Structure formats: C-alpha cells, structure tokens
PDB file of N, CA and C in Angstrom:
ATOM      1  N   UNK A   1     -81.715 -90.859  50.122  1.00  0.00           N
ATOM      2  CA  UNK A   1     -81.200 -89.780  49.867  1.00  0.00           C
ATOM      3  C   UNK A   1     -80.049 -89.335  50.149  1.00  0.00           C
ATOM      4  N   UNK A   2     -79.284 -88.429  49.678  1.00  0.00           N
ATOM      5  CA  UNK A   2     -78.259 -87.936  50.011  1.00  0.00           C
ATOM      6  C   UNK A   2     -78.280 -86.327  51.056  1.00  0.00           C
ATOM      7  N   UNK A   3     -77.709 -85.683  50.743  1.00  0.00           N
ATOM      8  CA  UNK A   3     -77.229 -84.527  51.625  1.00  0.00           C
ATOM      9  C   UNK A   3     -77.556 -83.263  50.833  1.00  0.00           C
ATOM     10  N   UNK A   4     -77.264 -83.185  49.671  1.00  0.00           N
ATOM     11  CA  UNK A   4     -77.382 -82.394  48.140  1.00  0.00           C
ATOM     12  C   UNK A   4     -79.097 -82.423  48.467  1.00  0.00           C
ATOM     13  N   UNK A   5     -79.622 -83.121  48.152  1.00  0.00           N
ATOM     14  CA  UNK A   5     -80.772 -83.626  47.583  1.00  0.00           C
ATOM     15  C   UNK A   5     -81.327 -82.669  48.488  1.00  0.00           C
ATOM     16  N   UNK A   6     -81.388 -83.091  49.999  1.00  0.00           N
ATOM     17  CA  UNK A   6     -82.473 -82.349  51.337  1.00  0.00           C
ATOM     18  C   UNK A   6     -82.099 -81.249  51.759  1.00  0.00           C
ATOM     19  N   UNK A   7     -80.383 -80.790  51.092  1.00  0.00           N
ATOM     20  CA  UNK A   7     -80.667 -79.296  51.117  1.00  0.00           C
ATOM     21  C   UNK A   7     -81.745 -78.626  49.832  1.00  0.00           C
ATOM     22  N   UNK A   8     -81.691 -78.616  48.768  1.00  0.00           N
ATOM     23  CA  UNK A   8     -82.482 -78.277  48.348  1.00  0.00           C
ATOM     24  C   UNK A   8     -83.518 -78.239  48.584  1.00  0.00           C
ATOM     25  N   UNK A   9     -84.691 -79.494  49.239  1.00  0.00           N
ATOM     26  CA  UNK A   9     -85.393 -79.923  49.379  1.00  0.00           C
ATOM     27  C   UNK A   9     -85.760 -78.896  50.318  1.00  0.00           C
ATOM     28  N   UNK A  10     -84.987 -78.166  50.809  1.00  0.00           N
ATOM     29  CA  UNK A  10     -85.402 -77.969  52.660  1.00  0.00           C
ATOM     30  C   UNK A  10     -85.569 -76.810  51.629  1.00  0.00           C
ATOM     31  N   UNK A  11     -84.727 -75.981  51.321  1.00  0.00           N
ATOM     32  CA  UNK A  11     -84.551 -74.633  50.279  1.00  0.00           C
ATOM     33  C   UNK A  11     -85.832 -74.386  49.630  1.00  0.00           C
ATOM     34  N   UNK A  12     -86.012 -75.415  48.424  1.00  0.00           N
ATOM     35  CA  UNK A  12     -86.823 -75.270  47.967  1.00  0.00           C
ATOM     36  C   UNK A  12     -88.301 -74.928  48.610  1.00  0.00           C
ATOM     37  N   UNK A  13     -89.198 -76.296  49.191  1.00  0.00           N
ATOM     38  CA  UNK A  13     -90.126 -76.195  50.633  1.00  0.00           C
ATOM     39  C   UNK A  13     -90.360 -74.825  51.329  1.00  0.00           C
ATOM     40  N   UNK A  14     -89.683 -74.021  51.667  1.00  0.00           N
ATOM     41  CA  UNK A  14     -89.169 -73.641  52.806  1.00  0.00           C
ATOM     42  C   UNK A  14     -89.408 -71.721  51.350  1.00  0.00           C
ATOM     43  N   UNK A  15     -89.145 -72.189  50.013  1.00  0.00           N
ATOM     44  CA  UNK A  15     -89.096 -71.407  49.433  1.00  0.00           C
ATOM     45  C   UNK A  15     -88.197 -70.394  49.635  1.00  0.00           C
ATOM     46  N   UNK A  16     -87.750 -70.625  49.844  1.00  0.00           N
ATOM     47  CA  UNK A  16     -86.035 -69.327  49.729  1.00  0.00           C
ATOM     48  C   UNK A  16     -85.000 -69.415  48.430  1.00  0.00           C
ATOM     49  N   UNK A  17     -84.689 -68.502  48.637  1.00  0.00           N
ATOM     50  CA  UNK A  17     -83.252 -67.604  47.821  1.00  0.00           C
ATOM     51  C   UNK A  17     -82.176 -68.524  48.300  1.00  0.00           C
ATOM     52  N   UNK A  18     -80.866 -68.526  47.715  1.00  0.00           N
ATOM     53  CA  UNK A  18     -80.246 -69.045  48.275  1.00  0.00           C
ATOM     54  C   UNK A  18     -79.205 -68.078  48.851  1.00  0.00           C
ATOM     55  N   UNK A  19     -79.898 -66.806  48.430  1.00  0.00           N
ATOM     56  CA  UNK A  19     -79.007 -65.067  49.398  1.00  0.00           C
ATOM     57  C   UNK A  19     -80.471 -65.026  50.150  1.00  0.00           C
ATOM     58  N   UNK A  20     -80.825 -65.080  49.822  1.00  0.00           N
ATOM     59  CA  UNK A  20     -81.885 -64.846  51.129  1.00  0.00           C
ATOM     60  C   UNK A  20     -81.416 -66.109  52.920  1.00  0.00           C
ATOM     61  N   UNK A  21     -80.913 -67.022  52.318  1.00  0.00           N
ATOM     62  CA  UNK A  21     -81.162 -68.079  53.063  1.00  0.00           C
ATOM     63  C   UNK A  21     -79.663 -67.773  53.528  1.00  0.00           C
ATOM     64  N   UNK A  22     -78.818 -67.532  53.273  1.00  0.00           N
ATOM     65  CA  UNK A  22     -77.325 -67.323  53.482  1.00  0.00           C
ATOM     66  C   UNK A  22     -76.931 -66.033  54.330  1.00  0.00           C
ATOM     67  N   UNK A  23     -77.627 -64.934  53.748  1.00  0.00           N
ATOM     68  CA  UNK A  23     -78.025 -63.453  55.300  1.00  0.00           C
ATOM     69  C   UNK A  23     -78.096 -64.053  55.869  1.00  0.00           C
ATOM     70  N   UNK A  24     -79.572 -65.130  56.031  1.00  0.00           N
ATOM     71  CA  UNK A  24     -80.370 -65.640  57.740  1.00  0.00           C
ATOM     72  C   UNK A  24     -79.520 -66.199  58.159  1.00  0.00           C
ATOM     73  N   UNK A  25     -78.566 -67.019  57.726  1.00  0.00           N
ATOM     74  CA  UNK A  25     -78.450 -67.860  58.590  1.00  0.00           C
ATOM     75  C   UNK A  25     -77.327 -67.448  59.546  1.00  0.00           C
ATOM     76  N   UNK A  26     -76.313 -66.515  59.184  1.00  0.00           N
ATOM     77  CA  UNK A  26     -75.884 -64.894  60.251  1.00  0.00           C
ATOM     78  C   UNK A  26     -74.287 -66.223  60.256  1.00  0.00           C
ATOM     79  N   UNK A  27     -73.536 -66.829  59.405  1.00  0.00           N
ATOM     80  CA  UNK A  27     -72.379 -67.108  59.285  1.00  0.00           C
ATOM     81  C   UNK A  27     -71.455 -66.572  58.129  1.00  0.00           C
ATOM     82  N   UNK A  28     -70.075 -65.973  58.326  1.00  0.00           N
ATOM     83  CA  UNK A  28     -69.976 -65.582  57.341  1.00  0.00           C
ATOM     84  C   UNK A  28     -68.895 -66.483  56.554  1.00  0.00           C
ATOM     85  N   UNK A  29     -69.348 -68.246  56.828  1.00  0.00           N
ATOM     86  CA  UNK A  29     -68.660 -69.385  56.022  1.00  0.00           C
ATOM     87  C   UNK A  29     -69.860 -69.489  55.001  1.00  0.00           C
ATOM     88  N   UNK A  30     -70.777 -68.696  55.405  1.00  0.00           N
ATOM     89  CA  UNK A  30     -72.271 -69.626  54.429  1.00  0.00           C
ATOM     90  C   UNK A  30     -72.873 -68.275  53.136  1.00  0.00           C
ATOM     91  N   UNK A  31     -72.300 -68.921  51.828  1.00  0.00           N
ATOM     92  CA  UNK A  31     -72.349 -67.557  51.013  1.00  0.00           C
ATOM     93  C   UNK A  31     -73.429 -68.124  49.932  1.00  0.00           C
ATOM     94  N   UNK A  32     -74.229 -67.520  49.446  1.00  0.00           N
ATOM     95  CA  UNK A  32     -75.417 -67.949  48.844  1.00  0.00           C
ATOM     96  C   UNK A  32     -75.062 -69.134  47.727  1.00  0.00           C
ATOM     97  N   UNK A  33     -72.863 -68.563  47.404  1.00  0.00           N
ATOM     98  CA  UNK A  33     -72.597 -69.901  46.270  1.00  0.00           C
ATOM     99  C   UNK A  33     -72.418 -71.219  46.440  1.00  0.00           C
ATOM    100  N   UNK A  34     -72.226 -70.999  48.871  1.00  0.00           N
ATOM    101  CA  UNK A  34     -71.841 -72.049  48.979  1.00  0.00           C
ATOM    102  C   UNK A  34     -73.065 -73.046  49.247  1.00  0.00           C
ATOM    103  N   UNK A  35     -73.935 -72.347  48.886  1.00  0.00           N
ATOM    104  CA  UNK A  35     -75.142 -73.111  49.045  1.00  0.00           C
ATOM    105  C   UNK A  35     -75.580 -74.331  47.598  1.00  0.00           C
ATOM    106  N   UNK A  36     -75.553 -73.656  47.003  1.00  0.00           N
ATOM    107  CA  UNK A  36     -75.630 -74.028  45.107  1.00  0.00           C
ATOM    108  C   UNK A  36     -74.594 -74.885  45.586  1.00  0.00           C
ATOM    109  N   UNK A  37     -73.202 -74.605  45.484  1.00  0.00           N
ATOM    110  CA  UNK A  37     -72.857 -76.246  45.544  1.00  0.00           C
ATOM    111  C   UNK A  37     -72.751 -76.892  46.181  1.00  0.00           C
ATOM    112  N   UNK A  38     -73.566 -77.016  47.378  1.00  0.00           N
ATOM    113  CA  UNK A  38     -73.646 -78.105  48.348  1.00  0.00           C
ATOM    114  C   UNK A  38     -74.856 -78.746  47.675  1.00  0.00           C
ATOM    115  N   UNK A  39     -75.024 -77.996  47.231  1.00  0.00           N
ATOM    116  CA  UNK A  39     -76.717 -78.967  47.110  1.00  0.00           C
ATOM    117  C   UNK A  39     -76.643 -79.118  45.566  1.00  0.00           C
ATOM    118  N   UNK A  40     -75.302 -78.887  45.261  1.00  0.00           N
ATOM    119  CA  UNK A  40     -75.042 -80.042  43.744  1.00  0.00           C
ATOM    120  C   UNK A  40     -74.510 -80.847  43.932  1.00  0.00           C
ATOM    121  N   UNK A  41     -73.766 -80.802  45.068  1.00  0.00           N
ATOM    122  CA  UNK A  41     -72.571 -82.449  46.049  1.00  0.00           C
ATOM    123  C   UNK A  41     -71.208 -81.959  45.988  1.00  0.00           C
ATOM    124  N   UNK A  42     -71.340 -80.295  45.811  1.00  0.00           N
ATOM    125  CA  UNK A  42     -70.200 -80.256  45.581  1.00  0.00           C
ATOM    126  C   UNK A  42     -69.481 -80.059  46.288  1.00  0.00           C
ATOM    127  N   UNK A  43     -69.241 -80.504  47.524  1.00  0.00           N
ATOM    128  CA  UNK A  43     -67.961 -80.408  49.274  1.00  0.00           C
ATOM    129  C   UNK A  43     -69.893 -80.088  49.728  1.00  0.00           C
ATOM    130  N   UNK A  44     -69.337 -80.013  51.069  1.00  0.00           N
ATOM    131  CA  UNK A  44     -69.993 -80.499  52.148  1.00  0.00           C
ATOM    132  C   UNK A  44     -70.095 -79.260  53.098  1.00  0.00           C
ATOM    133  N   UNK A  45     -71.681 -79.004  53.511  1.00  0.00           N
ATOM    134  CA  UNK A  45     -71.624 -77.492  54.661  1.00  0.00           C
ATOM    135  C   UNK A  45     -70.856 -78.749  55.971  1.00  0.00           C
ATOM    136  N   UNK A  46     -69.906 -77.685  56.928  1.00  0.00           N
ATOM    137  CA  UNK A  46     -68.959 -78.064  58.496  1.00  0.00           C
ATOM    138  C   UNK A  46     -70.871 -78.875  59.313  1.00  0.00           C
ATOM    139  N   UNK A  47     -70.355 -78.881  60.369  1.00  0.00           N
ATOM    140  CA  UNK A  47     -71.885 -79.339  60.744  1.00  0.00           C
ATOM    141  C   UNK A  47     -71.976 -77.910  61.881  1.00  0.00           C
ATOM    142  N   UNK A  48     -71.214 -77.175  61.833  1.00  0.00           N
ATOM    143  CA  UNK A  48     -71.565 -75.891  62.267  1.00  0.00           C
ATOM    144  C   UNK A  48     -72.612 -75.259  61.153  1.00  0.00           C
ATOM    145  N   UNK A  49     -71.799 -75.175  60.514  1.00  0.00           N
ATOM    146  CA  UNK A  49     -73.078 -73.853  59.057  1.00  0.00           C
ATOM    147  C   UNK A  49     -74.131 -75.268  58.531  1.00  0.00           C
ATOM    148  N   UNK A  50     -73.972 -76.430  58.498  1.00  0.00           N
ATOM    149  CA  UNK A  50     -75.420 -77.078  59.255  1.00  0.00           C
ATOM    150  C   UNK A  50     -76.189 -76.922  60.215  1.00  0.00           C
ATOM    151  N   UNK A  51     -75.935 -76.446  60.642  1.00  0.00           N
ATOM    152  CA  UNK A  51     -76.554 -76.284  61.974  1.00  0.00           C
ATOM    153  C   UNK A  51     -77.405 -75.302  61.680  1.00  0.00           C
ATOM    154  N   UNK A  52     -76.467 -73.919  60.990  1.00  0.00           N
ATOM    155  CA  UNK A  52     -77.018 -72.680  60.932  1.00  0.00           C
ATOM    156  C   UNK A  52     -77.820 -72.765  59.824  1.00  0.00           C
ATOM    157  N   UNK A  53     -77.976 -73.198  58.459  1.00  0.00           N
ATOM    158  CA  UNK A  53     -79.348 -73.872  57.597  1.00  0.00           C
ATOM    159  C   UNK A  53     -80.339 -74.220  58.098  1.00  0.00           C
ATOM    160  N   UNK A  54     -80.327 -75.391  59.034  1.00  0.00           N
ATOM    161  CA  UNK A  54     -81.109 -75.949  59.559  1.00  0.00           C
ATOM    162  C   UNK A  54     -82.185 -75.541  60.562  1.00  0.00           C
ATOM    163  N   UNK A  55     -81.143 -74.400  61.263  1.00  0.00           N
ATOM    164  CA  UNK A  55     -82.528 -73.073  62.268  1.00  0.00           C
ATOM    165  C   UNK A  55     -83.013 -71.931  61.107  1.00  0.00           C
ATOM    166  N   UNK A  56     -82.149 -71.988  59.828  1.00  0.00           N
ATOM    167  CA  UNK A  56     -82.832 -70.949  58.943  1.00  0.00           C
ATOM    168  C   UNK A  56     -84.562 -71.761  58.059  1.00  0.00           C
ATOM    169  N   UNK A  57     -83.992 -72.771  57.655  1.00  0.00           N
ATOM    170  CA  UNK A  57     -84.816 -74.157  57.334  1.00  0.00           C
ATOM    171  C   UNK A  57     -86.164 -74.386  58.080  1.00  0.00           C
ATOM    172  N   UNK A  58     -85.504 -74.290  59.386  1.00  0.00           N
ATOM    173  CA  UNK A  58     -86.063 -74.654  60.483  1.00  0.00           C
ATOM    174  C   UNK A  58     -86.499 -76.428  60.558  1.00  0.00           C
ATOM    175  N   UNK A  59     -85.765 -76.989  60.534  1.00  0.00           N
ATOM    176  CA  UNK A  59     -85.183 -78.192  59.933  1.00  0.00           C
ATOM    177  C   UNK A  59     -84.356 -79.067  61.723  1.00  0.00           C
ATOM    178  N   UNK A  60     -84.753 -80.182  61.836  1.00  0.00           N
ATOM    179  CA  UNK A  60     -83.930 -81.048  62.518  1.00  0.00           C
ATOM    180  C   UNK A  60     -82.252 -81.208  62.016  1.00  0.00           C
ATOM    181  N   UNK A  61     -81.141 -81.261  62.706  1.00  0.00           N
ATOM    182  CA  UNK A  61     -79.714 -81.474  61.907  1.00  0.00           C
ATOM    183  C   UNK A  61     -80.191 -83.363  61.564  1.00  0.00           C
ATOM    184  N   UNK A  62     -81.494 -84.122  62.392  1.00  0.00           N
ATOM    185  CA  UNK A  62     -81.272 -85.419  61.861  1.00  0.00           C
ATOM    186  C   UNK A  62     -82.103 -85.405  60.966  1.00  0.00           C
ATOM    187  N   UNK A  63     -83.053 -84.098  60.661  1.00  0.00           N
ATOM    188  CA  UNK A  63     -84.075 -84.536  59.077  1.00  0.00           C
ATOM    189  C   UNK A  63     -82.793 -84.305  57.630  1.00  0.00           C
ATOM    190  N   UNK A  64     -81.960 -83.637  57.593  1.00  0.00           N
ATOM    191  CA  UNK A  64     -80.563 -83.451  57.093  1.00  0.00           C
ATOM    192  C   UNK A  64     -79.806 -84.619  56.912  1.00  0.00           C
ATOM    193  N   UNK A  65     -79.819 -85.888  57.679  1.00  0.00           N
ATOM    194  CA  UNK A  65     -78.770 -87.047  58.075  1.00  0.00           C
ATOM    195  C   UNK A  65     -80.086 -87.966  57.664  1.00  0.00           C
ATOM    196  N   UNK A  66     -81.163 -87.953  57.979  1.00  0.00           N
ATOM    197  CA  UNK A  66     -81.704 -89.156  57.366  1.00  0.00           C
ATOM    198  C   UNK A  66     -81.697 -89.684  56.167  1.00  0.00           C
ATOM    199  N   UNK A  67     -82.006 -91.359  55.984  1.00  0.00           N
ATOM    200  CA  UNK A  67     -81.506 -91.719  54.879  1.00  0.00           C
ATOM    201  C   UNK A  67     -83.397 -92.189  54.448  1.00  0.00           C
ATOM    202  N   UNK A  68     -83.166 -92.202  52.545  1.00  0.00           N
ATOM    203  CA  UNK A  68     -84.518 -91.920  52.441  1.00  0.00           C
ATOM    204  C   UNK A  68     -85.480 -90.353  52.020  1.00  0.00           C
ATOM    205  N   UNK A  69     -86.616 -91.137  51.124  1.00  0.00           N
ATOM    206  CA  UNK A  69     -87.363 -89.552  50.954  1.00  0.00           C
ATOM    207  C   UNK A  69     -87.730 -88.987  52.069  1.00  0.00           C
ATOM    208  N   UNK A  70     -87.635 -87.286  52.047  1.00  0.00           N
ATOM    209  CA  UNK A  70     -87.976 -87.521  53.039  1.00  0.00           C
ATOM    210  C   UNK A  70     -89.532 -86.426  53.380  1.00  0.00           C
ATOM    211  N   UNK A  71     -90.912 -87.320  54.813  1.00  0.00           N
ATOM    212  CA  UNK A  71     -91.487 -86.756  54.108  1.00  0.00           C
ATOM    213  C   UNK A  71     -92.553 -85.961  53.717  1.00  0.00           C
ATOM    214  N   UNK A  72     -93.629 -85.773  53.126  1.00  0.00           N
ATOM    215  CA  UNK A  72     -94.228 -84.450  53.136  1.00  0.00           C
ATOM    216  C   UNK A  72     -94.473 -84.323  54.279  1.00  0.00           C
ATOM    217  N   UNK A  73     -94.307 -82.060  53.796  1.00  0.00           N
ATOM    218  CA  UNK A  73     -94.337 -81.933  54.926  1.00  0.00           C
ATOM    219  C   UNK A  73     -95.842 -81.790  55.357  1.00  0.00           C
ATOM    220  N   UNK A  74     -96.030 -81.676  56.878  1.00  0.00           N
ATOM    221  CA  UNK A  74     -97.756 -81.531  57.088  1.00  0.00           C
ATOM    222  C   UNK A  74     -98.487 -79.837  56.576  1.00  0.00           C
ATOM    223  N   UNK A  75     -99.808 -80.013  56.453  1.00  0.00           N
ATOM    224  CA  UNK A  75    -100.603 -79.362  56.079  1.00  0.00           C
ATOM    225  C   UNK A  75    -101.292 -78.163  56.987  1.00  0.00           C
ATOM    226  N   UNK A  76    -101.291 -77.529  57.764  1.00  0.00           N
ATOM    227  CA  UNK A  76    -102.415 -76.779  58.654  1.00  0.00           C
ATOM    228  C   UNK A  76    -103.387 -76.343  57.683  1.00  0.00           C
ATOM    229  N   UNK A  77    -104.515 -76.946  58.066  1.00  0.00           N
ATOM    230  CA  UNK A  77    -106.009 -76.073  57.908  1.00  0.00           C
ATOM    231  C   UNK A  77    -106.348 -75.632  58.971  1.00  0.00           C
ATOM    232  N   UNK A  78    -107.481 -74.542  58.420  1.00  0.00           N
ATOM    233  CA  UNK A  78    -107.798 -73.593  59.651  1.00  0.00           C
ATOM    234  C   UNK A  78    -109.233 -74.164  59.648  1.00  0.00           C
ATOM    235  N   UNK A  79    -110.023 -74.436  60.794  1.00  0.00           N
ATOM    236  CA  UNK A  79    -111.074 -74.403  60.491  1.00  0.00           C
ATOM    237  C   UNK A  79    -111.873 -73.550  61.574  1.00  0.00           C
ATOM    238  N   UNK A  80    -112.197 -71.772  61.356  1.00  0.00           N
ATOM    239  CA  UNK A  80    -113.035 -71.633  62.582  1.00  0.00           C
ATOM    240  C   UNK A  80    -114.656 -71.445  62.436  1.00  0.00           C
ATOM    241  N   UNK A  81    -114.411 -70.547  62.975  1.00  0.00           N
ATOM    242  CA  UNK A  81    -116.177 -70.703  63.056  1.00  0.00           C
ATOM    243  C   UNK A  81    -116.944 -69.461  62.176  1.00  0.00           C
ATOM    244  N   UNK A  82    -118.079 -69.928  61.075  1.00  0.00           N
ATOM    245  CA  UNK A  82    -118.709 -69.410  60.868  1.00  0.00           C
ATOM    246  C   UNK A  82    -119.082 -67.914  61.680  1.00  0.00           C
ATOM    247  N   UNK A  83    -119.490 -66.592  61.551  1.00  0.00           N
ATOM    248  CA  UNK A  83    -119.462 -65.408  61.688  1.00  0.00           C
ATOM    249  C   UNK A  83    -119.408 -64.547  63.434  1.00  0.00           C
ATOM    250  N   UNK A  84    -117.988 -65.436  63.269  1.00  0.00           N
ATOM    251  CA  UNK A  84    -117.187 -64.600  64.404  1.00  0.00           C
ATOM    252  C   UNK A  84    -117.358 -65.449  65.601  1.00  0.00           C
ATOM    253  N   UNK A  85    -117.169 -64.944  66.767  1.00  0.00           N
ATOM    254  CA  UNK A  85    -116.419 -65.799  68.112  1.00  0.00           C
ATOM    255  C   UNK A  85    -117.887 -64.972  69.115  1.00  0.00           C
TER     256      UNK A  85
END
C-alpha cells in the first residue's frame, strides 16, 4: 500500500472532510486542495505536514509509512451494568 491510499483511508475512517482536516492541521502549508492532491498521488506531504495530518487523524507517523493493507480499526464495545450502579 502506498502513502496516498493510506492518507485517504485515514481521513475516511476518521469521517472528516478535507476542509476540516486542513483547518485542524494548524499548518498554513496544509490546504484542503493539498490533501486531495496527496490522496490522488500528486506529490507528497513533507514530514512536518504528515505529522500535522497524523495528529488530526490520531495515527502514528509509522502507520502512514507501513507497507501493506492497514488493519481494521479496533472497535470499542460498551458493556454496562443494567439498572445503573
């Protein structure tokens, strides 16, 4: 798997728009257009830009650089006591 696909998967799994990610990245060099271009393989983010995206997506830098299909995200199931505490 390559970086563009991992960038897209991270954003989709987070349920975020490219515009929102760009706003939250806190880096003037990250615009929503950059994000879309990177996801389509047109250029790559710098390390500082990738770190800003990783923070927004709550992913490690290594997650973006690993080879192969990313594993599915873990799901947290709530199992509460019925009737209150």
